[in-house]
Amino acid sequence: MTLNHYLILSGILFTIGLVGVITRRNVIMILLSLEILLSAANLAFVAFSRALGDLSGQLMVFFVMIVAAAEVTVGLAIAVVLVRQTGKMGADELRGLKW
């Protein structure tokens, strides 16, 4: 497989994640779509890192994974608060969480 194959797959994954973020109303589905976006970026980083013979892309993937873990933690905490206050999981109810 060549670099183009990996980049095409990364672009397809990125498009699926972007469509999911834009069209979904469920908070959990939006978080999953964000994870797909980050996975697409990771795939592109690793593909370029391998093609260029440089490890900096793989180092960047490590930091993206740390950010993804923090995003999941904060996102799920917000989702729990949302369900406790409204009983619903829609993204439209997030406006009611203002202090």
PDB file of N, CA and C in Angstrom:
ATOM      1  N   MET A   1       0.839  -1.178   0.000  1.00  0.00           N
ATOM      2  CA  MET A   1       0.000   0.000   0.000  1.00  0.00           C
ATOM      3  C   MET A   1       0.889   1.248   0.000  1.00  0.00           C
ATOM      4  N   THR A   2       0.456   2.228  -0.731  1.00  0.00           N
ATOM      5  CA  THR A   2       1.239   3.452  -0.851  1.00  0.00           C
ATOM      6  C   THR A   2       0.692   4.521   0.089  1.00  0.00           C
ATOM      7  N   LEU A   3       1.384   5.626   0.109  1.00  0.00           N
ATOM      8  CA  LEU A   3       0.956   6.752   0.932  1.00  0.00           C
ATOM      9  C   LEU A   3      -0.419   7.252   0.498  1.00  0.00           C
ATOM     10  N   ASN A   4      -0.685   7.219  -0.795  1.00  0.00           N
ATOM     11  CA  ASN A   4      -1.989   7.688  -1.292  1.00  0.00           C
ATOM     12  C   ASN A   4      -3.149   6.874  -0.726  1.00  0.00           C
ATOM     13  N   HIS A   5      -2.961   5.570  -0.602  1.00  0.00           N
ATOM     14  CA  HIS A   5      -4.023   4.730  -0.046  1.00  0.00           C
ATOM     15  C   HIS A   5      -4.352   5.139   1.393  1.00  0.00           C
ATOM     16  N   TYR A   6      -3.313   5.358   2.183  1.00  0.00           N
ATOM     17  CA  TYR A   6      -3.524   5.767   3.570  1.00  0.00           C
ATOM     18  C   TYR A   6      -4.188   7.145   3.654  1.00  0.00           C
ATOM     19  N   LEU A   7      -3.782   8.053   2.796  1.00  0.00           N
ATOM     20  CA  LEU A   7      -4.359   9.396   2.831  1.00  0.00           C
ATOM     21  C   LEU A   7      -5.810   9.404   2.347  1.00  0.00           C
ATOM     22  N   ILE A   8      -6.132   8.557   1.382  1.00  0.00           N
ATOM     23  CA  ILE A   8      -7.527   8.455   0.936  1.00  0.00           C
ATOM     24  C   ILE A   8      -8.392   7.889   2.058  1.00  0.00           C
ATOM     25  N   LEU A   9      -7.904   6.853   2.734  1.00  0.00           N
ATOM     26  CA  LEU A   9      -8.639   6.298   3.866  1.00  0.00           C
ATOM     27  C   LEU A   9      -8.786   7.325   4.979  1.00  0.00           C
ATOM     28  N   SER A  10      -7.741   8.079   5.234  1.00  0.00           N
ATOM     29  CA  SER A  10      -7.805   9.124   6.250  1.00  0.00           C
ATOM     30  C   SER A  10      -8.831  10.194   5.871  1.00  0.00           C
ATOM     31  N   GLY A  11      -8.874  10.566   4.598  1.00  0.00           N
ATOM     32  CA  GLY A  11      -9.859  11.549   4.142  1.00  0.00           C
ATOM     33  C   GLY A  11     -11.278  11.037   4.262  1.00  0.00           C
ATOM     34  N   ILE A  12     -11.487   9.758   3.957  1.00  0.00           N
ATOM     35  CA  ILE A  12     -12.823   9.176   4.089  1.00  0.00           C
ATOM     36  C   ILE A  12     -13.252   9.155   5.551  1.00  0.00           C
ATOM     37  N   LEU A  13     -12.351   8.740   6.436  1.00  0.00           N
ATOM     38  CA  LEU A  13     -12.665   8.738   7.867  1.00  0.00           C
ATOM     39  C   LEU A  13     -12.952  10.151   8.375  1.00  0.00           C
ATOM     40  N   PHE A  14     -12.161  11.108   7.914  1.00  0.00           N
ATOM     41  CA  PHE A  14     -12.374  12.491   8.339  1.00  0.00           C
ATOM     42  C   PHE A  14     -13.737  12.996   7.877  1.00  0.00           C
ATOM     43  N   THR A  15     -14.114  12.650   6.651  1.00  0.00           N
ATOM     44  CA  THR A  15     -15.418  13.072   6.132  1.00  0.00           C
ATOM     45  C   THR A  15     -16.559  12.436   6.918  1.00  0.00           C
ATOM     46  N   ILE A  16     -16.441  11.160   7.227  1.00  0.00           N
ATOM     47  CA  ILE A  16     -17.476  10.486   8.021  1.00  0.00           C
ATOM     48  C   ILE A  16     -17.608  11.138   9.389  1.00  0.00           C
ATOM     49  N   GLY A  17     -16.488  11.426  10.029  1.00  0.00           N
ATOM     50  CA  GLY A  17     -16.524  12.076  11.338  1.00  0.00           C
ATOM     51  C   GLY A  17     -17.105  13.468  11.278  1.00  0.00           C
ATOM     52  N   LEU A  18     -16.759  14.225  10.248  1.00  0.00           N
ATOM     53  CA  LEU A  18     -17.271  15.585  10.109  1.00  0.00           C
ATOM     54  C   LEU A  18     -18.773  15.585   9.869  1.00  0.00           C
ATOM     55  N   VAL A  19     -19.244  14.692   9.021  1.00  0.00           N
ATOM     56  CA  VAL A  19     -20.686  14.582   8.778  1.00  0.00           C
ATOM     57  C   VAL A  19     -21.402  14.185  10.064  1.00  0.00           C
ATOM     58  N   GLY A  20     -20.801  13.295  10.844  1.00  0.00           N
ATOM     59  CA  GLY A  20     -21.392  12.887  12.114  1.00  0.00           C
ATOM     60  C   GLY A  20     -21.488  14.026  13.109  1.00  0.00           C
ATOM     61  N   VAL A  21     -20.455  14.847  13.176  1.00  0.00           N
ATOM     62  CA  VAL A  21     -20.487  15.992  14.105  1.00  0.00           C
ATOM     63  C   VAL A  21     -21.549  17.000  13.681  1.00  0.00           C
ATOM     64  N   ILE A  22     -21.679  17.226  12.384  1.00  0.00           N
ATOM     65  CA  ILE A  22     -22.616  18.239  11.893  1.00  0.00           C
ATOM     66  C   ILE A  22     -24.064  17.773  11.988  1.00  0.00           C
ATOM     67  N   THR A  23     -24.334  16.498  11.704  1.00  0.00           N
ATOM     68  CA  THR A  23     -25.721  16.053  11.578  1.00  0.00           C
ATOM     69  C   THR A  23     -26.313  15.449  12.842  1.00  0.00           C
ATOM     70  N   ARG A  24     -25.520  14.949  13.741  1.00  0.00           N
ATOM     71  CA  ARG A  24     -26.051  14.257  14.920  1.00  0.00           C
ATOM     72  C   ARG A  24     -26.478  15.244  15.992  1.00  0.00           C
ATOM     73  N   ARG A  25     -27.473  14.841  16.777  1.00  0.00           N
ATOM     74  CA  ARG A  25     -27.949  15.649  17.889  1.00  0.00           C
ATOM     75  C   ARG A  25     -27.644  15.006  19.232  1.00  0.00           C
ATOM     76  N   ASN A  26     -27.322  13.722  19.240  1.00  0.00           N
ATOM     77  CA  ASN A  26     -27.007  13.016  20.465  1.00  0.00           C
ATOM     78  C   ASN A  26     -25.569  13.335  20.868  1.00  0.00           C
ATOM     79  N   VAL A  27     -25.363  13.674  22.131  1.00  0.00           N
ATOM     80  CA  VAL A  27     -24.046  14.084  22.611  1.00  0.00           C
ATOM     81  C   VAL A  27     -23.040  12.937  22.482  1.00  0.00           C
ATOM     82  N   ILE A  28     -23.453  11.718  22.783  1.00  0.00           N
ATOM     83  CA  ILE A  28     -22.546  10.575  22.684  1.00  0.00           C
ATOM     84  C   ILE A  28     -22.127  10.341  21.234  1.00  0.00           C
ATOM     85  N   MET A  29     -23.053  10.469  20.304  1.00  0.00           N
ATOM     86  CA  MET A  29     -22.720  10.284  18.888  1.00  0.00           C
ATOM     87  C   MET A  29     -21.778  11.382  18.392  1.00  0.00           C
ATOM     88  N   ILE A  30     -21.943  12.580  18.902  1.00  0.00           N
ATOM     89  CA  ILE A  30     -21.030  13.667  18.536  1.00  0.00           C
ATOM     90  C   ILE A  30     -19.625  13.370  19.058  1.00  0.00           C
ATOM     91  N   LEU A  31     -19.530  12.863  20.285  1.00  0.00           N
ATOM     92  CA  LEU A  31     -18.220  12.497  20.833  1.00  0.00           C
ATOM     93  C   LEU A  31     -17.571  11.377  20.026  1.00  0.00           C
ATOM     94  N   LEU A  32     -18.366  10.395  19.612  1.00  0.00           N
ATOM     95  CA  LEU A  32     -17.825   9.318  18.786  1.00  0.00           C
ATOM     96  C   LEU A  32     -17.341   9.844  17.439  1.00  0.00           C
ATOM     97  N   SER A  33     -18.074  10.784  16.866  1.00  0.00           N
ATOM     98  CA  SER A  33     -17.656  11.379  15.596  1.00  0.00           C
ATOM     99  C   SER A  33     -16.366  12.168  15.752  1.00  0.00           C
ATOM    100  N   LEU A  34     -16.209  12.848  16.881  1.00  0.00           N
ATOM    101  CA  LEU A  34     -14.952  13.545  17.144  1.00  0.00           C
ATOM    102  C   LEU A  34     -13.791  12.572  17.264  1.00  0.00           C
ATOM    103  N   GLU A  35     -14.040  11.407  17.844  1.00  0.00           N
ATOM    104  CA  GLU A  35     -12.991  10.397  17.933  1.00  0.00           C
ATOM    105  C   GLU A  35     -12.607   9.889  16.547  1.00  0.00           C
ATOM    106  N   ILE A  36     -13.577   9.757  15.650  1.00  0.00           N
ATOM    107  CA  ILE A  36     -13.273   9.343  14.278  1.00  0.00           C
ATOM    108  C   ILE A  36     -12.422  10.412  13.590  1.00  0.00           C
ATOM    109  N   LEU A  37     -12.740  11.688  13.828  1.00  0.00           N
ATOM    110  CA  LEU A  37     -11.931  12.771  13.267  1.00  0.00           C
ATOM    111  C   LEU A  37     -10.487  12.680  13.749  1.00  0.00           C
ATOM    112  N   LEU A  38     -10.316  12.469  15.038  1.00  0.00           N
ATOM    113  CA  LEU A  38      -8.961  12.386  15.584  1.00  0.00           C
ATOM    114  C   LEU A  38      -8.223  11.145  15.069  1.00  0.00           C
ATOM    115  N   SER A  39      -8.945  10.048  14.885  1.00  0.00           N
ATOM    116  CA  SER A  39      -8.321   8.844  14.329  1.00  0.00           C
ATOM    117  C   SER A  39      -7.872   9.066  12.892  1.00  0.00           C
ATOM    118  N   ALA A  40      -8.647   9.814  12.129  1.00  0.00           N
ATOM    119  CA  ALA A  40      -8.255  10.128  10.753  1.00  0.00           C
ATOM    120  C   ALA A  40      -6.979  10.964  10.736  1.00  0.00           C
ATOM    121  N   ALA A  41      -6.896  11.926  11.631  1.00  0.00           N
ATOM    122  CA  ALA A  41      -5.686  12.742  11.717  1.00  0.00           C
ATOM    123  C   ALA A  41      -4.490  11.887  12.139  1.00  0.00           C
ATOM    124  N   ASN A  42      -4.707  10.976  13.085  1.00  0.00           N
ATOM    125  CA  ASN A  42      -3.624  10.084  13.515  1.00  0.00           C
ATOM    126  C   ASN A  42      -3.130   9.205  12.377  1.00  0.00           C
ATOM    127  N   LEU A  43      -4.056   8.692  11.581  1.00  0.00           N
ATOM    128  CA  LEU A  43      -3.670   7.857  10.446  1.00  0.00           C
ATOM    129  C   LEU A  43      -2.812   8.644   9.455  1.00  0.00           C
ATOM    130  N   ALA A  44      -3.192   9.881   9.200  1.00  0.00           N
ATOM    131  CA  ALA A  44      -2.410  10.717   8.287  1.00  0.00           C
ATOM    132  C   ALA A  44      -1.026  11.016   8.868  1.00  0.00           C
ATOM    133  N   PHE A  45      -0.955  11.307  10.159  1.00  0.00           N
ATOM    134  CA  PHE A  45       0.342  11.560  10.798  1.00  0.00           C
ATOM    135  C   PHE A  45       1.263  10.343  10.688  1.00  0.00           C
ATOM    136  N   VAL A  46       0.736   9.169  10.981  1.00  0.00           N
ATOM    137  CA  VAL A  46       1.554   7.960  10.941  1.00  0.00           C
ATOM    138  C   VAL A  46       1.966   7.638   9.507  1.00  0.00           C
ATOM    139  N   ALA A  47       1.058   7.847   8.551  1.00  0.00           N
ATOM    140  CA  ALA A  47       1.392   7.569   7.151  1.00  0.00           C
ATOM    141  C   ALA A  47       2.521   8.472   6.672  1.00  0.00           C
ATOM    142  N   PHE A  48       2.425   9.762   6.981  1.00  0.00           N
ATOM    143  CA  PHE A  48       3.502  10.670   6.579  1.00  0.00           C
ATOM    144  C   PHE A  48       4.799  10.359   7.331  1.00  0.00           C
ATOM    145  N   SER A  49       4.682   9.990   8.593  1.00  0.00           N
ATOM    146  CA  SER A  49       5.861   9.651   9.373  1.00  0.00           C
ATOM    147  C   SER A  49       6.587   8.455   8.775  1.00  0.00           C
ATOM    148  N   ARG A  50       5.824   7.470   8.363  1.00  0.00           N
ATOM    149  CA  ARG A  50       6.429   6.282   7.757  1.00  0.00           C
ATOM    150  C   ARG A  50       7.018   6.605   6.388  1.00  0.00           C
ATOM    151  N   ALA A  51       6.314   7.404   5.609  1.00  0.00           N
ATOM    152  CA  ALA A  51       6.791   7.730   4.262  1.00  0.00           C
ATOM    153  C   ALA A  51       8.066   8.557   4.301  1.00  0.00           C
ATOM    154  N   LEU A  52       8.174   9.433   5.279  1.00  0.00           N
ATOM    155  CA  LEU A  52       9.339  10.305   5.373  1.00  0.00           C
ATOM    156  C   LEU A  52      10.467   9.718   6.215  1.00  0.00           C
ATOM    157  N   GLY A  53      10.173   8.635   6.929  1.00  0.00           N
ATOM    158  CA  GLY A  53      11.197   8.029   7.774  1.00  0.00           C
ATOM    159  C   GLY A  53      11.520   8.847   8.997  1.00  0.00           C
ATOM    160  N   ASP A  54      10.575   9.648   9.450  1.00  0.00           N
ATOM    161  CA  ASP A  54      10.775  10.529  10.598  1.00  0.00           C
ATOM    162  C   ASP A  54       9.800  10.123  11.696  1.00  0.00           C
ATOM    163  N   LEU A  55      10.221  10.178  12.942  1.00  0.00           N
ATOM    164  CA  LEU A  55       9.362   9.767  14.048  1.00  0.00           C
ATOM    165  C   LEU A  55       8.525  10.903  14.624  1.00  0.00           C
ATOM    166  N   SER A  56       8.631  12.100  14.092  1.00  0.00           N
ATOM    167  CA  SER A  56       7.893  13.222  14.665  1.00  0.00           C
ATOM    168  C   SER A  56       6.382  13.068  14.477  1.00  0.00           C
ATOM    169  N   GLY A  57       5.951  12.427  13.412  1.00  0.00           N
ATOM    170  CA  GLY A  57       4.515  12.188  13.217  1.00  0.00           C
ATOM    171  C   GLY A  57       3.954  11.252  14.266  1.00  0.00           C
ATOM    172  N   GLN A  58       4.739  10.258  14.631  1.00  0.00           N
ATOM    173  CA  GLN A  58       4.291   9.332  15.662  1.00  0.00           C
ATOM    174  C   GLN A  58       4.283   9.985  17.031  1.00  0.00           C
ATOM    175  N   LEU A  59       5.172  10.906  17.261  1.00  0.00           N
ATOM    176  CA  LEU A  59       5.156  11.681  18.494  1.00  0.00           C
ATOM    177  C   LEU A  59       3.904  12.563  18.557  1.00  0.00           C
ATOM    178  N   MET A  60       3.531  13.135  17.425  1.00  0.00           N
ATOM    179  CA  MET A  60       2.320  13.952  17.368  1.00  0.00           C
ATOM    180  C   MET A  60       1.087  13.094  17.662  1.00  0.00           C
ATOM    181  N   VAL A  61       1.073  11.857  17.179  1.00  0.00           N
ATOM    182  CA  VAL A  61      -0.043  10.947  17.451  1.00  0.00           C
ATOM    183  C   VAL A  61      -0.167  10.699  18.948  1.00  0.00           C
ATOM    184  N   PHE A  62       0.950  10.585  19.625  1.00  0.00           N
ATOM    185  CA  PHE A  62       0.925  10.397  21.074  1.00  0.00           C
ATOM    186  C   PHE A  62       0.212  11.567  21.755  1.00  0.00           C
ATOM    187  N   PHE A  63       0.522  12.790  21.358  1.00  0.00           N
ATOM    188  CA  PHE A  63      -0.126  13.954  21.952  1.00  0.00           C
ATOM    189  C   PHE A  63      -1.604  14.039  21.572  1.00  0.00           C
ATOM    190  N   VAL A  64      -1.941  13.660  20.355  1.00  0.00           N
ATOM    191  CA  VAL A  64      -3.349  13.656  19.941  1.00  0.00           C
ATOM    192  C   VAL A  64      -4.137  12.639  20.762  1.00  0.00           C
ATOM    193  N   MET A  65      -3.528  11.512  21.071  1.00  0.00           N
ATOM    194  CA  MET A  65      -4.203  10.512  21.896  1.00  0.00           C
ATOM    195  C   MET A  65      -4.434  11.025  23.311  1.00  0.00           C
ATOM    196  N   ILE A  66      -3.507  11.802  23.832  1.00  0.00           N
ATOM    197  CA  ILE A  66      -3.693  12.401  25.154  1.00  0.00           C
ATOM    198  C   ILE A  66      -4.846  13.391  25.131  1.00  0.00           C
ATOM    199  N   VAL A  67      -4.911  14.209  24.089  1.00  0.00           N
ATOM    200  CA  VAL A  67      -6.010  15.167  23.958  1.00  0.00           C
ATOM    201  C   VAL A  67      -7.332  14.431  23.789  1.00  0.00           C
ATOM    202  N   ALA A  68      -7.346  13.336  23.055  1.00  0.00           N
ATOM    203  CA  ALA A  68      -8.569  12.559  22.856  1.00  0.00           C
ATOM    204  C   ALA A  68      -9.053  11.970  24.179  1.00  0.00           C
ATOM    205  N   ALA A  69      -8.140  11.505  25.005  1.00  0.00           N
ATOM    206  CA  ALA A  69      -8.530  10.959  26.303  1.00  0.00           C
ATOM    207  C   ALA A  69      -9.129  12.045  27.192  1.00  0.00           C
ATOM    208  N   ALA A  70      -8.539  13.221  27.175  1.00  0.00           N
ATOM    209  CA  ALA A  70      -9.088  14.335  27.955  1.00  0.00           C
ATOM    210  C   ALA A  70     -10.446  14.756  27.411  1.00  0.00           C
ATOM    211  N   GLU A  71     -10.592  14.744  26.090  1.00  0.00           N
ATOM    212  CA  GLU A  71     -11.876  15.126  25.468  1.00  0.00           C
ATOM    213  C   GLU A  71     -12.974  14.152  25.865  1.00  0.00           C
ATOM    214  N   VAL A  72     -12.666  12.872  25.897  1.00  0.00           N
ATOM    215  CA  VAL A  72     -13.663  11.877  26.289  1.00  0.00           C
ATOM    216  C   VAL A  72     -14.046  12.062  27.750  1.00  0.00           C
ATOM    217  N   THR A  73     -13.088  12.316  28.593  1.00  0.00           N
ATOM    218  CA  THR A  73     -13.369  12.504  30.016  1.00  0.00           C
ATOM    219  C   THR A  73     -14.278  13.702  30.251  1.00  0.00           C
ATOM    220  N   VAL A  74     -13.938  14.826  29.677  1.00  0.00           N
ATOM    221  CA  VAL A  74     -14.742  16.036  29.859  1.00  0.00           C
ATOM    222  C   VAL A  74     -16.107  15.885  29.176  1.00  0.00           C
ATOM    223  N   GLY A  75     -16.118  15.303  27.980  1.00  0.00           N
ATOM    224  CA  GLY A  75     -17.376  15.133  27.254  1.00  0.00           C
ATOM    225  C   GLY A  75     -18.345  14.225  27.976  1.00  0.00           C
ATOM    226  N   LEU A  76     -17.857  13.131  28.519  1.00  0.00           N
ATOM    227  CA  LEU A  76     -18.747  12.238  29.253  1.00  0.00           C
ATOM    228  C   LEU A  76     -19.227  12.872  30.553  1.00  0.00           C
ATOM    229  N   ALA A  77     -18.390  13.679  31.191  1.00  0.00           N
ATOM    230  CA  ALA A  77     -18.835  14.387  32.393  1.00  0.00           C
ATOM    231  C   ALA A  77     -19.954  15.364  32.055  1.00  0.00           C
ATOM    232  N   ILE A  78     -19.825  16.066  30.950  1.00  0.00           N
ATOM    233  CA  ILE A  78     -20.883  16.976  30.511  1.00  0.00           C
ATOM    234  C   ILE A  78     -22.144  16.200  30.170  1.00  0.00           C
ATOM    235  N   ALA A  79     -22.000  15.040  29.536  1.00  0.00           N
ATOM    236  CA  ALA A  79     -23.158  14.227  29.189  1.00  0.00           C
ATOM    237  C   ALA A  79     -23.888  13.739  30.439  1.00  0.00           C
ATOM    238  N   VAL A  80     -23.150  13.364  31.481  1.00  0.00           N
ATOM    239  CA  VAL A  80     -23.772  12.917  32.728  1.00  0.00           C
ATOM    240  C   VAL A  80     -24.538  14.066  33.376  1.00  0.00           C
ATOM    241  N   VAL A  81     -23.948  15.244  33.418  1.00  0.00           N
ATOM    242  CA  VAL A  81     -24.636  16.411  33.978  1.00  0.00           C
ATOM    243  C   VAL A  81     -25.886  16.731  33.162  1.00  0.00           C
ATOM    244  N   LEU A  82     -25.793  16.621  31.876  1.00  0.00           N
ATOM    245  CA  LEU A  82     -26.925  16.891  30.993  1.00  0.00           C
ATOM    246  C   LEU A  82     -28.076  15.939  31.265  1.00  0.00           C
ATOM    247  N   VAL A  83     -27.779  14.664  31.409  1.00  0.00           N
ATOM    248  CA  VAL A  83     -28.831  13.684  31.669  1.00  0.00           C
ATOM    249  C   VAL A  83     -29.429  13.888  33.048  1.00  0.00           C
ATOM    250  N   ARG A  84     -28.608  14.237  34.014  1.00  0.00           N
ATOM    251  CA  ARG A  84     -29.138  14.455  35.367  1.00  0.00           C
ATOM    252  C   ARG A  84     -30.046  15.672  35.433  1.00  0.00           C
ATOM    253  N   GLN A  85     -29.727  16.712  34.694  1.00  0.00           N
ATOM    254  CA  GLN A  85     -30.535  17.933  34.766  1.00  0.00           C
ATOM    255  C   GLN A  85     -31.772  17.888  33.886  1.00  0.00           C
ATOM    256  N   THR A  86     -31.647  17.346  32.686  1.00  0.00           N
ATOM    257  CA  THR A  86     -32.762  17.401  31.742  1.00  0.00           C
ATOM    258  C   THR A  86     -33.394  16.048  31.465  1.00  0.00           C
ATOM    259  N   GLY A  87     -32.678  14.961  31.678  1.00  0.00           N
ATOM    260  CA  GLY A  87     -33.192  13.643  31.352  1.00  0.00           C
ATOM    261  C   GLY A  87     -33.097  13.325  29.870  1.00  0.00           C
ATOM    262  N   LYS A  88     -32.444  14.190  29.100  1.00  0.00           N
ATOM    263  CA  LYS A  88     -32.302  13.990  27.657  1.00  0.00           C
ATOM    264  C   LYS A  88     -30.824  14.035  27.285  1.00  0.00           C
ATOM    265  N   MET A  89     -30.506  13.493  26.094  1.00  0.00           N
ATOM    266  CA  MET A  89     -29.117  13.459  25.625  1.00  0.00           C
ATOM    267  C   MET A  89     -28.894  14.333  24.402  1.00  0.00           C
ATOM    268  N   GLY A  90     -29.797  15.234  24.095  1.00  0.00           N
ATOM    269  CA  GLY A  90     -29.655  16.060  22.907  1.00  0.00           C
ATOM    270  C   GLY A  90     -28.663  17.192  23.100  1.00  0.00           C
ATOM    271  N   ALA A  91     -28.035  17.589  22.004  1.00  0.00           N
ATOM    272  CA  ALA A  91     -27.073  18.691  22.066  1.00  0.00           C
ATOM    273  C   ALA A  91     -27.772  20.029  22.269  1.00  0.00           C
ATOM    274  N   ASP A  92     -29.052  20.105  21.920  1.00  0.00           N
ATOM    275  CA  ASP A  92     -29.784  21.359  22.099  1.00  0.00           C
ATOM    276  C   ASP A  92     -29.992  21.690  23.574  1.00  0.00           C
ATOM    277  N   GLU A  93     -29.996  20.687  24.424  1.00  0.00           N
ATOM    278  CA  GLU A  93     -30.180  20.922  25.864  1.00  0.00           C
ATOM    279  C   GLU A  93     -28.924  21.478  26.525  1.00  0.00           C
ATOM    280  N   LEU A  94     -27.795  21.513  25.829  1.00  0.00           N
ATOM    281  CA  LEU A  94     -26.555  22.035  26.416  1.00  0.00           C
ATOM    282  C   LEU A  94     -26.656  23.523  26.715  1.00  0.00           C
ATOM    283  N   ARG A  95     -27.540  24.203  26.039  1.00  0.00           N
ATOM    284  CA  ARG A  95     -27.700  25.650  26.312  1.00  0.00           C
ATOM    285  C   ARG A  95     -28.234  25.891  27.722  1.00  0.00           C
ATOM    286  N   GLY A  96     -28.925  24.923  28.280  1.00  0.00           N
ATOM    287  CA  GLY A  96     -29.485  25.061  29.622  1.00  0.00           C
ATOM    288  C   GLY A  96     -28.469  24.830  30.727  1.00  0.00           C
ATOM    289  N   LEU A  97     -27.238  24.487  30.393  1.00  0.00           N
ATOM    290  CA  LEU A  97     -26.216  24.239  31.405  1.00  0.00           C
ATOM    291  C   LEU A  97     -25.453  25.494  31.807  1.00  0.00           C
ATOM    292  N   LYS A  98     -25.851  26.651  31.304  1.00  0.00           N
ATOM    293  CA  LYS A  98     -25.159  27.889  31.684  1.00  0.00           C
ATOM    294  C   LYS A  98     -25.413  28.173  33.156  1.00  0.00           C
ATOM    295  N   TRP A  99     -24.393  28.774  33.797  1.00  0.00           N
ATOM    296  CA  TRP A  99     -24.513  29.065  35.232  1.00  0.00           C
ATOM    297  C   TRP A  99     -25.346  30.266  35.459  1.00  0.00           C
TER     298      TRP A  99
END
